[in-house]
Each structure stands twice: as structure tokens, then as C-alpha cells.
């Protein structure tokens, strides 16, 4: 199972609908994620480029892509960004592997 950061920006029309008829979208998000075999860890409204932020655990990248496709296909979302998250331990493992690669940037041969 993999954790994902999901950022969502509504279309102006969707924002207008939510302002006219406020709705808590948590149960909808939870239902979609659970149908994919995952778990919603949390959901927040946010300020800035994205209107909604979710942390979800999903079985695999295919499930994450399916979730993104489903919500974008509905037409109320103008952009969705899904980012796989690594635990700090996994990040440390990646750093250790990277340190052994001996990468040389262009011009430093």
C-alpha cells in the first residue's frame, strides 16, 4: 500500500455550486477510495492553487490513476495532482542508494 497526496482545484462553476449549496465532500472521497481498496487518511480545504487536499492510502499507482481519472471525468475539477509519498525511512533508503550511484552532472566528468 502506498500513501498519496491528492490536490484538487475545482472549476469556477463547481465553486459557485458549493457556495450556493455547501457540501462536505469527505464521504464521497472516502467511498471512492475504499472502492479502490484504499483508505482516506484525511481531507482538508486549502488556500492557494488547490481547493482541497487529501492524504490517501491506495494499493498501487494504477488505483491512484483511476481515482484521478474518475474525479476529472466528472467535470467539476479543473486540475488534480497526485503525488506518491515516501516515509522518512524510505526517503533515507533512497538517499543511501543515490549516494552509491556516483552521478556526475554535465561538465563534471
PDB file of N, CA and C in Angstrom:
ATOM      1  N   UNK A   1       0.850  -1.183   0.000  1.00  0.00           N
ATOM      2  CA  UNK A   1       0.000   0.000   0.000  1.00  0.00           C
ATOM      3  C   UNK A   1       0.895   1.245   0.000  1.00  0.00           C
ATOM      4  N   UNK A   2       0.474   2.226  -0.734  1.00  0.00           N
ATOM      5  CA  UNK A   2       1.240   3.455  -0.917  1.00  0.00           C
ATOM      6  C   UNK A   2       0.402   4.644  -0.473  1.00  0.00           C
ATOM      7  N   UNK A   3       1.027   5.619   0.192  1.00  0.00           N
ATOM      8  CA  UNK A   3       0.353   6.864   0.538  1.00  0.00           C
ATOM      9  C   UNK A   3       0.497   7.849  -0.611  1.00  0.00           C
ATOM     10  N   UNK A   4      -0.559   8.639  -0.827  1.00  0.00           N
ATOM     11  CA  UNK A   4      -0.576   9.644  -1.886  1.00  0.00           C
ATOM     12  C   UNK A   4      -1.117  10.958  -1.354  1.00  0.00           C
ATOM     13  N   UNK A   5      -0.532  12.042  -1.808  1.00  0.00           N
ATOM     14  CA  UNK A   5      -1.059  13.385  -1.604  1.00  0.00           C
ATOM     15  C   UNK A   5      -1.876  13.706  -2.842  1.00  0.00           C
ATOM     16  N   UNK A   6      -3.140  14.041  -2.655  1.00  0.00           N
ATOM     17  CA  UNK A   6      -4.033  14.357  -3.775  1.00  0.00           C
ATOM     18  C   UNK A   6      -4.475  15.806  -3.609  1.00  0.00           C
ATOM     19  N   UNK A   7      -4.165  16.633  -4.596  1.00  0.00           N
ATOM     20  CA  UNK A   7      -4.530  18.042  -4.576  1.00  0.00           C
ATOM     21  C   UNK A   7      -5.545  18.291  -5.685  1.00  0.00           C
ATOM     22  N   UNK A   8      -6.604  19.010  -5.345  1.00  0.00           N
ATOM     23  CA  UNK A   8      -7.712  19.204  -6.271  1.00  0.00           C
ATOM     24  C   UNK A   8      -8.067  20.682  -6.359  1.00  0.00           C
ATOM     25  N   UNK A   9      -8.232  21.164  -7.584  1.00  0.00           N
ATOM     26  CA  UNK A   9      -8.719  22.518  -7.829  1.00  0.00           C
ATOM     27  C   UNK A   9     -10.044  22.420  -8.573  1.00  0.00           C
ATOM     28  N   UNK A  10     -11.081  23.008  -7.989  1.00  0.00           N
ATOM     29  CA  UNK A  10     -12.406  22.999  -8.601  1.00  0.00           C
ATOM     30  C   UNK A  10     -12.484  23.994  -9.753  1.00  0.00           C
ATOM     31  N   UNK A  11     -13.396  23.750 -10.675  1.00  0.00           N
ATOM     32  CA  UNK A  11     -13.720  24.739 -11.701  1.00  0.00           C
ATOM     33  C   UNK A  11     -14.474  25.884 -11.023  1.00  0.00           C
ATOM     34  N   UNK A  12     -14.496  27.079 -11.637  1.00  0.00           N
ATOM     35  CA  UNK A  12     -15.286  28.178 -11.058  1.00  0.00           C
ATOM     36  C   UNK A  12     -16.765  27.801 -10.878  1.00  0.00           C
ATOM     37  N   UNK A  13     -17.297  27.023 -11.804  1.00  0.00           N
ATOM     38  CA  UNK A  13     -18.702  26.602 -11.698  1.00  0.00           C
ATOM     39  C   UNK A  13     -18.916  25.696 -10.488  1.00  0.00           C
ATOM     40  N   UNK A  14     -17.970  24.809 -10.218  1.00  0.00           N
ATOM     41  CA  UNK A  14     -18.090  23.927  -9.052  1.00  0.00           C
ATOM     42  C   UNK A  14     -17.999  24.731  -7.762  1.00  0.00           C
ATOM     43  N   UNK A  15     -17.109  25.727  -7.721  1.00  0.00           N
ATOM     44  CA  UNK A  15     -17.015  26.587  -6.535  1.00  0.00           C
ATOM     45  C   UNK A  15     -18.334  27.325  -6.331  1.00  0.00           C
ATOM     46  N   UNK A  16     -18.908  27.845  -7.403  1.00  0.00           N
ATOM     47  CA  UNK A  16     -20.190  28.554  -7.294  1.00  0.00           C
ATOM     48  C   UNK A  16     -21.276  27.625  -6.760  1.00  0.00           C
ATOM     49  N   UNK A  17     -21.288  26.386  -7.207  1.00  0.00           N
ATOM     50  CA  UNK A  17     -22.266  25.401  -6.723  1.00  0.00           C
ATOM     51  C   UNK A  17     -22.068  25.128  -5.236  1.00  0.00           C
ATOM     52  N   UNK A  18     -20.809  24.981  -4.814  1.00  0.00           N
ATOM     53  CA  UNK A  18     -20.525  24.706  -3.403  1.00  0.00           C
ATOM     54  C   UNK A  18     -20.838  25.906  -2.513  1.00  0.00           C
ATOM     55  N   UNK A  19     -20.653  27.107  -3.025  1.00  0.00           N
ATOM     56  CA  UNK A  19     -21.007  28.313  -2.254  1.00  0.00           C
ATOM     57  C   UNK A  19     -22.520  28.407  -2.114  1.00  0.00           C
ATOM     58  N   UNK A  20     -23.249  28.137  -3.197  1.00  0.00           N
ATOM     59  CA  UNK A  20     -24.715  28.199  -3.164  1.00  0.00           C
ATOM     60  C   UNK A  20     -25.317  27.066  -2.344  1.00  0.00           C
ATOM     61  N   UNK A  21     -24.651  25.912  -2.328  1.00  0.00           N
ATOM     62  CA  UNK A  21     -25.147  24.734  -1.624  1.00  0.00           C
ATOM     63  C   UNK A  21     -23.959  24.021  -0.965  1.00  0.00           C
ATOM     64  N   UNK A  22     -23.497  24.527   0.193  1.00  0.00           N
ATOM     65  CA  UNK A  22     -22.317  23.933   0.831  1.00  0.00           C
ATOM     66  C   UNK A  22     -22.471  22.428   1.056  1.00  0.00           C
ATOM     67  N   UNK A  23     -21.396  21.695   0.755  1.00  0.00           N
ATOM     68  CA  UNK A  23     -21.407  20.242   0.886  1.00  0.00           C
ATOM     69  C   UNK A  23     -20.090  19.772   1.484  1.00  0.00           C
ATOM     70  N   UNK A  24     -20.162  18.798   2.360  1.00  0.00           N
ATOM     71  CA  UNK A  24     -18.974  18.131   2.876  1.00  0.00           C
ATOM     72  C   UNK A  24     -18.692  16.963   1.940  1.00  0.00           C
ATOM     73  N   UNK A  25     -17.599  17.010   1.210  1.00  0.00           N
ATOM     74  CA  UNK A  25     -17.286  16.004   0.196  1.00  0.00           C
ATOM     75  C   UNK A  25     -16.483  14.832   0.757  1.00  0.00           C
ATOM     76  N   UNK A  26     -16.280  14.781   2.072  1.00  0.00           N
ATOM     77  CA  UNK A  26     -15.458  13.725   2.662  1.00  0.00           C
ATOM     78  C   UNK A  26     -16.021  12.332   2.423  1.00  0.00           C
ATOM     79  N   UNK A  27     -17.311  12.146   2.605  1.00  0.00           N
ATOM     80  CA  UNK A  27     -17.885  10.804   2.421  1.00  0.00           C
ATOM     81  C   UNK A  27     -17.792  10.338   0.973  1.00  0.00           C
ATOM     82  N   UNK A  28     -17.925  11.255   0.028  1.00  0.00           N
ATOM     83  CA  UNK A  28     -17.769  10.901  -1.384  1.00  0.00           C
ATOM     84  C   UNK A  28     -16.336  10.460  -1.641  1.00  0.00           C
ATOM     85  N   UNK A  29     -15.378  11.236  -1.140  1.00  0.00           N
ATOM     86  CA  UNK A  29     -13.969  10.883  -1.330  1.00  0.00           C
ATOM     87  C   UNK A  29     -13.662   9.538  -0.675  1.00  0.00           C
ATOM     88  N   UNK A  30     -14.133   9.346   0.540  1.00  0.00           N
ATOM     89  CA  UNK A  30     -13.894   8.090   1.265  1.00  0.00           C
ATOM     90  C   UNK A  30     -14.462   6.902   0.490  1.00  0.00           C
ATOM     91  N   UNK A  31     -15.664   7.054  -0.031  1.00  0.00           N
ATOM     92  CA  UNK A  31     -16.324   5.981  -0.770  1.00  0.00           C
ATOM     93  C   UNK A  31     -15.520   5.581  -2.012  1.00  0.00           C
ATOM     94  N   UNK A  32     -15.074   6.580  -2.780  1.00  0.00           N
ATOM     95  CA  UNK A  32     -14.300   6.290  -3.990  1.00  0.00           C
ATOM     96  C   UNK A  32     -12.999   5.566  -3.650  1.00  0.00           C
ATOM     97  N   UNK A  33     -12.300   6.056  -2.636  1.00  0.00           N
ATOM     98  CA  UNK A  33     -11.016   5.474  -2.250  1.00  0.00           C
ATOM     99  C   UNK A  33     -11.201   4.052  -1.730  1.00  0.00           C
ATOM    100  N   UNK A  34     -12.243   3.830  -0.936  1.00  0.00           N
ATOM    101  CA  UNK A  34     -12.496   2.481  -0.408  1.00  0.00           C
ATOM    102  C   UNK A  34     -12.882   1.505  -1.514  1.00  0.00           C
ATOM    103  N   UNK A  35     -13.588   1.975  -2.545  1.00  0.00           N
ATOM    104  CA  UNK A  35     -13.925   1.094  -3.675  1.00  0.00           C
ATOM    105  C   UNK A  35     -12.674   0.625  -4.405  1.00  0.00           C
ATOM    106  N   UNK A  36     -11.605   1.375  -4.279  1.00  0.00           N
ATOM    107  CA  UNK A  36     -10.332   1.001  -4.897  1.00  0.00           C
ATOM    108  C   UNK A  36      -9.454   0.183  -3.955  1.00  0.00           C
ATOM    109  N   UNK A  37      -9.984  -0.133  -2.778  1.00  0.00           N
ATOM    110  CA  UNK A  37      -9.222  -0.914  -1.807  1.00  0.00           C
ATOM    111  C   UNK A  37      -8.321  -0.076  -0.927  1.00  0.00           C
ATOM    112  N   UNK A  38      -8.562   1.228  -0.892  1.00  0.00           N
ATOM    113  CA  UNK A  38      -7.726   2.135  -0.119  1.00  0.00           C
ATOM    114  C   UNK A  38      -8.407   2.690   1.105  1.00  0.00           C
ATOM    115  N   UNK A  39      -7.739   3.660   1.715  1.00  0.00           N
ATOM    116  CA  UNK A  39      -8.250   4.305   2.924  1.00  0.00           C
ATOM    117  C   UNK A  39      -7.948   5.798   2.863  1.00  0.00           C
ATOM    118  N   UNK A  40      -8.954   6.608   3.170  1.00  0.00           N
ATOM    119  CA  UNK A  40      -8.772   8.051   3.269  1.00  0.00           C
ATOM    120  C   UNK A  40      -8.193   8.355   4.642  1.00  0.00           C
ATOM    121  N   UNK A  41      -7.017   8.974   4.685  1.00  0.00           N
ATOM    122  CA  UNK A  41      -6.384   9.320   5.959  1.00  0.00           C
ATOM    123  C   UNK A  41      -6.847  10.689   6.442  1.00  0.00           C
ATOM    124  N   UNK A  42      -7.116  11.588   5.519  1.00  0.00           N
ATOM    125  CA  UNK A  42      -7.562  12.923   5.891  1.00  0.00           C
ATOM    126  C   UNK A  42      -7.888  13.740   4.662  1.00  0.00           C
ATOM    127  N   UNK A  43      -8.720  14.765   4.881  1.00  0.00           N
ATOM    128  CA  UNK A  43      -9.120  15.657   3.784  1.00  0.00           C
ATOM    129  C   UNK A  43      -9.270  17.061   4.369  1.00  0.00           C
ATOM    130  N   UNK A  44      -8.755  18.048   3.639  1.00  0.00           N
ATOM    131  CA  UNK A  44      -8.771  19.417   4.115  1.00  0.00           C
ATOM    132  C   UNK A  44      -9.102  20.359   2.965  1.00  0.00           C
ATOM    133  N   UNK A  45      -9.834  21.437   3.267  1.00  0.00           N
ATOM    134  CA  UNK A  45      -9.924  22.550   2.330  1.00  0.00           C
ATOM    135  C   UNK A  45      -8.608  23.307   2.454  1.00  0.00           C
ATOM    136  N   UNK A  46      -8.171  23.908   1.361  1.00  0.00           N
ATOM    137  CA  UNK A  46      -6.898  24.617   1.405  1.00  0.00           C
ATOM    138  C   UNK A  46      -7.002  25.934   0.638  1.00  0.00           C
ATOM    139  N   UNK A  47      -6.057  26.804   0.899  1.00  0.00           N
ATOM    140  CA  UNK A  47      -5.974  28.090   0.217  1.00  0.00           C
ATOM    141  C   UNK A  47      -4.833  28.016  -0.788  1.00  0.00           C
ATOM    142  N   UNK A  48      -4.932  28.793  -1.846  1.00  0.00           N
ATOM    143  CA  UNK A  48      -3.859  28.800  -2.842  1.00  0.00           C
ATOM    144  C   UNK A  48      -4.299  28.166  -4.137  1.00  0.00           C
ATOM    145  N   UNK A  49      -3.392  27.445  -4.766  1.00  0.00           N
ATOM    146  CA  UNK A  49      -3.655  26.870  -6.087  1.00  0.00           C
ATOM    147  C   UNK A  49      -4.679  25.741  -6.052  1.00  0.00           C
ATOM    148  N   UNK A  50      -4.815  25.083  -4.908  1.00  0.00           N
ATOM    149  CA  UNK A  50      -5.717  23.939  -4.787  1.00  0.00           C
ATOM    150  C   UNK A  50      -6.769  24.218  -3.725  1.00  0.00           C
ATOM    151  N   UNK A  51      -7.974  23.725  -3.966  1.00  0.00           N
ATOM    152  CA  UNK A  51      -9.100  23.944  -3.057  1.00  0.00           C
ATOM    153  C   UNK A  51      -9.249  22.846  -2.018  1.00  0.00           C
ATOM    154  N   UNK A  52      -8.735  21.670  -2.326  1.00  0.00           N
ATOM    155  CA  UNK A  52      -8.911  20.502  -1.478  1.00  0.00           C
ATOM    156  C   UNK A  52      -7.623  19.688  -1.497  1.00  0.00           C
ATOM    157  N   UNK A  53      -7.258  19.153  -0.335  1.00  0.00           N
ATOM    158  CA  UNK A  53      -6.079  18.304  -0.216  1.00  0.00           C
ATOM    159  C   UNK A  53      -6.482  17.043   0.529  1.00  0.00           C
ATOM    160  N   UNK A  54      -6.066  15.900   0.007  1.00  0.00           N
ATOM    161  CA  UNK A  54      -6.363  14.615   0.648  1.00  0.00           C
ATOM    162  C   UNK A  54      -5.068  13.840   0.820  1.00  0.00           C
ATOM    163  N   UNK A  55      -5.011  13.037   1.866  1.00  0.00           N
ATOM    164  CA  UNK A  55      -3.972  12.021   2.011  1.00  0.00           C
ATOM    165  C   UNK A  55      -4.717  10.692   1.991  1.00  0.00           C
ATOM    166  N   UNK A  56      -4.330   9.826   1.074  1.00  0.00           N
ATOM    167  CA  UNK A  56      -4.996   8.533   0.925  1.00  0.00           C
ATOM    168  C   UNK A  56      -3.953   7.433   0.789  1.00  0.00           C
ATOM    169  N   UNK A  57      -4.307   6.262   1.291  1.00  0.00           N
ATOM    170  CA  UNK A  57      -3.505   5.066   1.079  1.00  0.00           C
ATOM    171  C   UNK A  57      -4.218   4.245   0.017  1.00  0.00           C
ATOM    172  N   UNK A  58      -3.500   3.916  -1.054  1.00  0.00           N
ATOM    173  CA  UNK A  58      -4.072   3.143  -2.157  1.00  0.00           C
ATOM    174  C   UNK A  58      -3.161   1.957  -2.470  1.00  0.00           C
ATOM    175  N   UNK A  59      -3.725   0.914  -3.056  1.00  0.00           N
ATOM    176  CA  UNK A  59      -2.943  -0.297  -3.309  1.00  0.00           C
ATOM    177  C   UNK A  59      -1.768  -0.104  -4.270  1.00  0.00           C
ATOM    178  N   UNK A  60      -1.924   0.803  -5.269  1.00  0.00           N
ATOM    179  CA  UNK A  60      -0.892   0.910  -6.299  1.00  0.00           C
ATOM    180  C   UNK A  60      -1.127   2.155  -7.144  1.00  0.00           C
ATOM    181  N   UNK A  61      -0.174   2.430  -8.038  1.00  0.00           N
ATOM    182  CA  UNK A  61      -0.282   3.599  -8.916  1.00  0.00           C
ATOM    183  C   UNK A  61      -1.482   3.510  -9.854  1.00  0.00           C
ATOM    184  N   UNK A  62      -1.826   2.320 -10.285  1.00  0.00           N
ATOM    185  CA  UNK A  62      -2.984   2.147 -11.166  1.00  0.00           C
ATOM    186  C   UNK A  62      -4.262   2.622 -10.466  1.00  0.00           C
ATOM    187  N   UNK A  63      -4.405   2.302  -9.203  1.00  0.00           N
ATOM    188  CA  UNK A  63      -5.571   2.749  -8.431  1.00  0.00           C
ATOM    189  C   UNK A  63      -5.559   4.265  -8.271  1.00  0.00           C
ATOM    190  N   UNK A  64      -4.381   4.835  -8.037  1.00  0.00           N
ATOM    191  CA  UNK A  64      -4.264   6.295  -7.918  1.00  0.00           C
ATOM    192  C   UNK A  64      -4.652   6.969  -9.228  1.00  0.00           C
ATOM    193  N   UNK A  65      -4.211   6.407 -10.347  1.00  0.00           N
ATOM    194  CA  UNK A  65      -4.571   6.956 -11.654  1.00  0.00           C
ATOM    195  C   UNK A  65      -6.069   6.833 -11.903  1.00  0.00           C
ATOM    196  N   UNK A  66      -6.660   5.700 -11.518  1.00  0.00           N
ATOM    197  CA  UNK A  66      -8.110   5.504 -11.690  1.00  0.00           C
ATOM    198  C   UNK A  66      -8.894   6.540 -10.894  1.00  0.00           C
ATOM    199  N   UNK A  67      -8.457   6.818  -9.672  1.00  0.00           N
ATOM    200  CA  UNK A  67      -9.129   7.829  -8.846  1.00  0.00           C
ATOM    201  C   UNK A  67      -9.051   9.190  -9.525  1.00  0.00           C
ATOM    202  N   UNK A  68      -7.880   9.548  -9.996  1.00  0.00           N
ATOM    203  CA  UNK A  68      -7.702  10.826 -10.675  1.00  0.00           C
ATOM    204  C   UNK A  68      -8.583  10.922 -11.919  1.00  0.00           C
ATOM    205  N   UNK A  69      -8.606   9.864 -12.716  1.00  0.00           N
ATOM    206  CA  UNK A  69      -9.440   9.855 -13.925  1.00  0.00           C
ATOM    207  C   UNK A  69     -10.917  10.007 -13.596  1.00  0.00           C
ATOM    208  N   UNK A  70     -11.373   9.292 -12.571  1.00  0.00           N
ATOM    209  CA  UNK A  70     -12.791   9.326 -12.199  1.00  0.00           C
ATOM    210  C   UNK A  70     -13.214  10.730 -11.778  1.00  0.00           C
ATOM    211  N   UNK A  71     -12.395  11.384 -10.948  1.00  0.00           N
ATOM    212  CA  UNK A  71     -12.822  12.706 -10.481  1.00  0.00           C
ATOM    213  C   UNK A  71     -12.698  13.762 -11.583  1.00  0.00           C
ATOM    214  N   UNK A  72     -11.689  13.639 -12.442  1.00  0.00           N
ATOM    215  CA  UNK A  72     -11.574  14.586 -13.547  1.00  0.00           C
ATOM    216  C   UNK A  72     -12.700  14.403 -14.563  1.00  0.00           C
ATOM    217  N   UNK A  73     -13.121  13.173 -14.779  1.00  0.00           N
ATOM    218  CA  UNK A  73     -14.187  12.891 -15.748  1.00  0.00           C
ATOM    219  C   UNK A  73     -15.520  13.494 -15.329  1.00  0.00           C
ATOM    220  N   UNK A  74     -15.686  13.760 -14.038  1.00  0.00           N
ATOM    221  CA  UNK A  74     -16.938  14.347 -13.555  1.00  0.00           C
ATOM    222  C   UNK A  74     -17.157  15.782 -13.998  1.00  0.00           C
ATOM    223  N   UNK A  75     -16.081  16.490 -14.369  1.00  0.00           N
ATOM    224  CA  UNK A  75     -16.212  17.842 -14.900  1.00  0.00           C
ATOM    225  C   UNK A  75     -16.168  18.966 -13.877  1.00  0.00           C
ATOM    226  N   UNK A  76     -16.154  18.679 -12.574  1.00  0.00           N
ATOM    227  CA  UNK A  76     -16.142  19.723 -11.552  1.00  0.00           C
ATOM    228  C   UNK A  76     -14.723  20.100 -11.121  1.00  0.00           C
ATOM    229  N   UNK A  77     -13.746  19.355 -11.613  1.00  0.00           N
ATOM    230  CA  UNK A  77     -12.361  19.565 -11.228  1.00  0.00           C
ATOM    231  C   UNK A  77     -11.596  20.105 -12.436  1.00  0.00           C
ATOM    232  N   UNK A  78     -10.867  21.222 -12.250  1.00  0.00           N
ATOM    233  CA  UNK A  78     -10.077  21.731 -13.373  1.00  0.00           C
ATOM    234  C   UNK A  78      -8.673  21.149 -13.370  1.00  0.00           C
ATOM    235  N   UNK A  79      -8.163  20.783 -12.200  1.00  0.00           N
ATOM    236  CA  UNK A  79      -6.847  20.151 -12.137  1.00  0.00           C
ATOM    237  C   UNK A  79      -6.765  19.275 -10.898  1.00  0.00           C
ATOM    238  N   UNK A  80      -6.108  18.146 -11.069  1.00  0.00           N
ATOM    239  CA  UNK A  80      -5.866  17.226  -9.964  1.00  0.00           C
ATOM    240  C   UNK A  80      -4.405  16.814 -10.034  1.00  0.00           C
ATOM    241  N   UNK A  81      -3.751  16.838  -8.891  1.00  0.00           N
ATOM    242  CA  UNK A  81      -2.342  16.444  -8.833  1.00  0.00           C
ATOM    243  C   UNK A  81      -2.205  15.347  -7.791  1.00  0.00           C
ATOM    244  N   UNK A  82      -1.624  14.232  -8.183  1.00  0.00           N
ATOM    245  CA  UNK A  82      -1.439  13.094  -7.293  1.00  0.00           C
ATOM    246  C   UNK A  82       0.058  12.847  -7.136  1.00  0.00           C
ATOM    247  N   UNK A  83       0.522  12.853  -5.889  1.00  0.00           N
ATOM    248  CA  UNK A  83       1.944  12.698  -5.590  1.00  0.00           C
ATOM    249  C   UNK A  83       2.143  11.503  -4.674  1.00  0.00           C
ATOM    250  N   UNK A  84       2.907  10.493  -5.105  1.00  0.00           N
ATOM    251  CA  UNK A  84       3.232   9.393  -4.197  1.00  0.00           C
ATOM    252  C   UNK A  84       4.106   9.917  -3.051  1.00  0.00           C
ATOM    253  N   UNK A  85       3.840   9.448  -1.854  1.00  0.00           N
ATOM    254  CA  UNK A  85       4.594   9.883  -0.678  1.00  0.00           C
ATOM    255  C   UNK A  85       5.482   8.756  -0.172  1.00  0.00           C
ATOM    256  N   UNK A  86       6.683   9.096   0.222  1.00  0.00           N
ATOM    257  CA  UNK A  86       7.613   8.141   0.819  1.00  0.00           C
ATOM    258  C   UNK A  86       7.706   8.420   2.313  1.00  0.00           C
ATOM    259  N   UNK A  87       7.767   7.375   3.107  1.00  0.00           N
ATOM    260  CA  UNK A  87       8.024   7.567   4.534  1.00  0.00           C
ATOM    261  C   UNK A  87       9.434   8.127   4.680  1.00  0.00           C
ATOM    262  N   UNK A  88       9.738   8.686   5.845  1.00  0.00           N
ATOM    263  CA  UNK A  88      11.091   9.186   6.062  1.00  0.00           C
ATOM    264  C   UNK A  88      12.117   8.070   5.949  1.00  0.00           C
ATOM    265  N   UNK A  89      11.773   6.876   6.421  1.00  0.00           N
ATOM    266  CA  UNK A  89      12.687   5.733   6.301  1.00  0.00           C
ATOM    267  C   UNK A  89      12.924   5.374   4.837  1.00  0.00           C
ATOM    268  N   UNK A  90      11.860   5.375   4.027  1.00  0.00           N
ATOM    269  CA  UNK A  90      12.024   5.094   2.603  1.00  0.00           C
ATOM    270  C   UNK A  90      12.849   6.189   1.931  1.00  0.00           C
ATOM    271  N   UNK A  91      12.646   7.424   2.342  1.00  0.00           N
ATOM    272  CA  UNK A  91      13.433   8.536   1.809  1.00  0.00           C
ATOM    273  C   UNK A  91      14.909   8.374   2.150  1.00  0.00           C
ATOM    274  N   UNK A  92      15.202   7.955   3.385  1.00  0.00           N
ATOM    275  CA  UNK A  92      16.592   7.703   3.782  1.00  0.00           C
ATOM    276  C   UNK A  92      17.190   6.573   2.942  1.00  0.00           C
ATOM    277  N   UNK A  93      16.401   5.524   2.698  1.00  0.00           N
ATOM    278  CA  UNK A  93      16.868   4.431   1.852  1.00  0.00           C
ATOM    279  C   UNK A  93      17.196   4.917   0.453  1.00  0.00           C
ATOM    280  N   UNK A  94      16.357   5.808  -0.080  1.00  0.00           N
ATOM    281  CA  UNK A  94      16.605   6.374  -1.408  1.00  0.00           C
ATOM    282  C   UNK A  94      17.883   7.208  -1.406  1.00  0.00           C
ATOM    283  N   UNK A  95      18.097   7.977  -0.334  1.00  0.00           N
ATOM    284  CA  UNK A  95      19.324   8.778  -0.234  1.00  0.00           C
ATOM    285  C   UNK A  95      20.559   7.882  -0.205  1.00  0.00           C
ATOM    286  N   UNK A  96      20.477   6.788   0.544  1.00  0.00           N
ATOM    287  CA  UNK A  96      21.605   5.859   0.620  1.00  0.00           C
ATOM    288  C   UNK A  96      21.891   5.231  -0.744  1.00  0.00           C
ATOM    289  N   UNK A  97      20.843   4.842  -1.459  1.00  0.00           N
ATOM    290  CA  UNK A  97      21.043   4.276  -2.797  1.00  0.00           C
ATOM    291  C   UNK A  97      21.628   5.329  -3.747  1.00  0.00           C
ATOM    292  N   UNK A  98      21.115   6.552  -3.658  1.00  0.00           N
ATOM    293  CA  UNK A  98      21.597   7.630  -4.527  1.00  0.00           C
ATOM    294  C   UNK A  98      23.074   7.920  -4.274  1.00  0.00           C
ATOM    295  N   UNK A  99      23.497   7.844  -3.014  1.00  0.00           N
ATOM    296  CA  UNK A  99      24.898   8.149  -2.687  1.00  0.00           C
ATOM    297  C   UNK A  99      25.855   7.148  -3.314  1.00  0.00           C
ATOM    298  N   UNK A 100      25.384   5.968  -3.644  1.00  0.00           N
ATOM    299  CA  UNK A 100      26.227   4.920  -4.233  1.00  0.00           C
ATOM    300  C   UNK A 100      26.242   4.962  -5.761  1.00  0.00           C
ATOM    301  N   UNK A 101      25.450   5.815  -6.366  1.00  0.00           N
ATOM    302  CA  UNK A 101      25.363   5.862  -7.824  1.00  0.00           C
ATOM    303  C   UNK A 101      26.509   6.623  -8.473  1.00  0.00           C
ATOM    304  N   UNK A 102      27.175   7.476  -7.739  1.00  0.00           N
ATOM    305  CA  UNK A 102      28.310   8.256  -8.242  1.00  0.00           C
ATOM    306  C   UNK A 102      27.939   9.076  -9.482  1.00  0.00           C
ATOM    307  N   UNK A 103      26.783   9.704  -9.431  1.00  0.00           N
ATOM    308  CA  UNK A 103      26.327  10.559 -10.534  1.00  0.00           C
ATOM    309  C   UNK A 103      27.238  11.773 -10.668  1.00  0.00           C
ATOM    310  N   UNK A 104      27.535  12.126 -11.913  1.00  0.00           N
ATOM    311  CA  UNK A 104      28.316  13.330 -12.209  1.00  0.00           C
ATOM    312  C   UNK A 104      27.466  14.207 -13.119  1.00  0.00           C
ATOM    313  N   UNK A 105      27.190  15.454 -12.690  1.00  0.00           N
ATOM    314  CA  UNK A 105      26.398  16.353 -13.527  1.00  0.00           C
ATOM    315  C   UNK A 105      27.166  16.746 -14.790  1.00  0.00           C
ATOM    316  N   UNK A 106      26.483  17.265 -15.811  1.00  0.00           N
ATOM    317  CA  UNK A 106      27.150  17.673 -17.052  1.00  0.00           C
ATOM    318  C   UNK A 106      28.314  18.614 -16.761  1.00  0.00           C
ATOM    319  N   UNK A 107      29.425  18.380 -17.442  1.00  0.00           N
ATOM    320  CA  UNK A 107      30.597  19.230 -17.280  1.00  0.00           C
ATOM    321  C   UNK A 107      31.518  18.772 -16.153  1.00  0.00           C
ATOM    322  N   UNK A 108      31.133  17.765 -15.373  1.00  0.00           N
ATOM    323  CA  UNK A 108      31.943  17.295 -14.253  1.00  0.00           C
ATOM    324  C   UNK A 108      32.333  15.833 -14.458  1.00  0.00           C
ATOM    325  N   UNK A 109      33.059  15.567 -15.538  1.00  0.00           N
ATOM    326  CA  UNK A 109      33.414  14.190 -15.841  1.00  0.00           C
ATOM    327  C   UNK A 109      34.718  13.812 -15.209  1.00  0.00           C
TER     328      UNK A 109
END
